[in-house]
Amino acid sequence: AATSPDAGSGTPDEYEVGDLSGKYGLLDNKLSVKEVHNDTNLPLFGLRSIVGRSIVVHKKNRAERWACATIGWGWDPDEATQVTAIASFHHPKGFAWGYIRFSQVIYKDGSTTDTAIEVRLKYPGRTNRKQTSGHAWSVYVNPVGHDASVKFQQARCTAAGYRWNPTFIQLADPQDHGFYSEECKPDTPLRCEVGDLTGRHGQIDVGGKAFVFNDMNLPLSGDWYNSALGKSIVIHAPDGSGDLMACANIEPDKDIIKYVVLKTLGGFNLANFIEDVQAVMGVPEWYLFMDARETKVLHEGRCLQVLLHFRGPHANKLEQDFSRLMRTGRLESPSLQIPGYVPPTNRKTKLGYRECGSRGINNQNLYGGAYNTGAAVHRKSHGGAVALALLILGLSLYL
């Protein structure tokens, strides 16, 4: 903040929670750094947890963002597993566009971490900059289908049923909303219905900033009755309205990674390639994207190695359809079947890109050398990075 002391000259409580460089000094003129600090205001659990947020390293000049990483949990795969789920709002004729992602570590002794929630929602349309606020949001008991895209609002999302309440909060007098609103607050989350995300975290915006929340009472494991998986997320209309505006099912969020090596013909543009693939396969950008850190130029610029991520409940099918698309140059039908949506007859079905070589990852390629091709596919477990507070300059904690 503007009133904070110079970097490294004050006490930690005089800086913003995420201002690590202010608390512990800059990284200027250092080739490497290894420091240990004790910060009593960087919680890894509870309402103000930093898990699910990010560490950003800035350049010295103009403080431009240079490198970043998401903060996750550190856990041993022999002792725990991470469950990740997503509510994807990708219906072309829907009323919201984006996703809500959930992640939680489940230990073999039955204990769990809090659930990290990431919310990124806007209105449909590539250039739609509409912003609204005051949206209530909830977990409802049933999955939705065709009703998610019904234009008549009173019939929209009706299959979702009612708000999830497995712990029977306030069943003695469920119509006493005044008493419930006094009891259910962010600092008393166990007095809220499990599905009442508004009560525990407040209202959200659509078309504005992203949100990160930490929820101590949103389980992603167990049977259907006790797990959020298989249920739905409902976004209510703006300005505190109770009308149902948009909805999506909470489904497993798999992650499959695949290396592909592309021919870089004249005018090749990697961003255009990704957009063209997404258009032919009919998938949103959060279901298919690249890791720019793994991009490599090969064979004197004639080839480019790219690492792709296939996410969501249908990640396996997405990877298989992509392989078919690169092999044949065509995909007759979209990879995602969306209830209530019929793709236009003039949809894009062809892709004009090709891989460098047609053999396996360790075999000879067209140019006589060995390199990685698209045959390399890896199933990635969602092991979280250890939640280390790297308390050094140029580092800031971001949403």
Foldseek 3Di string as FASTA:
>chain_A
DVPADAACPDDPVRDDLFALCSHHNACPPHPDDDDDDDDPRADCAAWRHLQQWKKFFADPPPRHTDDMDGFHAFDDPVFKAKFKKKFADQDLQAFKHDIKIWMKIATPVGDIGWIKIKFAIAGDDPPDQDKFWAKWKWWAQAFDALLQRDPPQVSHPVRLPGGQALPCQPVVCVVPVVVLLVQQALVNPVNDRLGRPCSNPNIGMHNDDMDMGTGRRAACDDDSSRHSARHKMFIADGPNDPTTRGMGHIHTKFKKKFKAKWFQPPPDDPVVQQVLLCQQQVHDDVQKDWDVVPWDADDVNRIIIIMMIGIDPCSVQSLVQVVVCQVPQFDCDHSDDGGPDDDDPPGDTGDDIHTFADDAQQDATPVGDHHGHRNDMDGDGPRGDHRDDPSHHSIGIGD
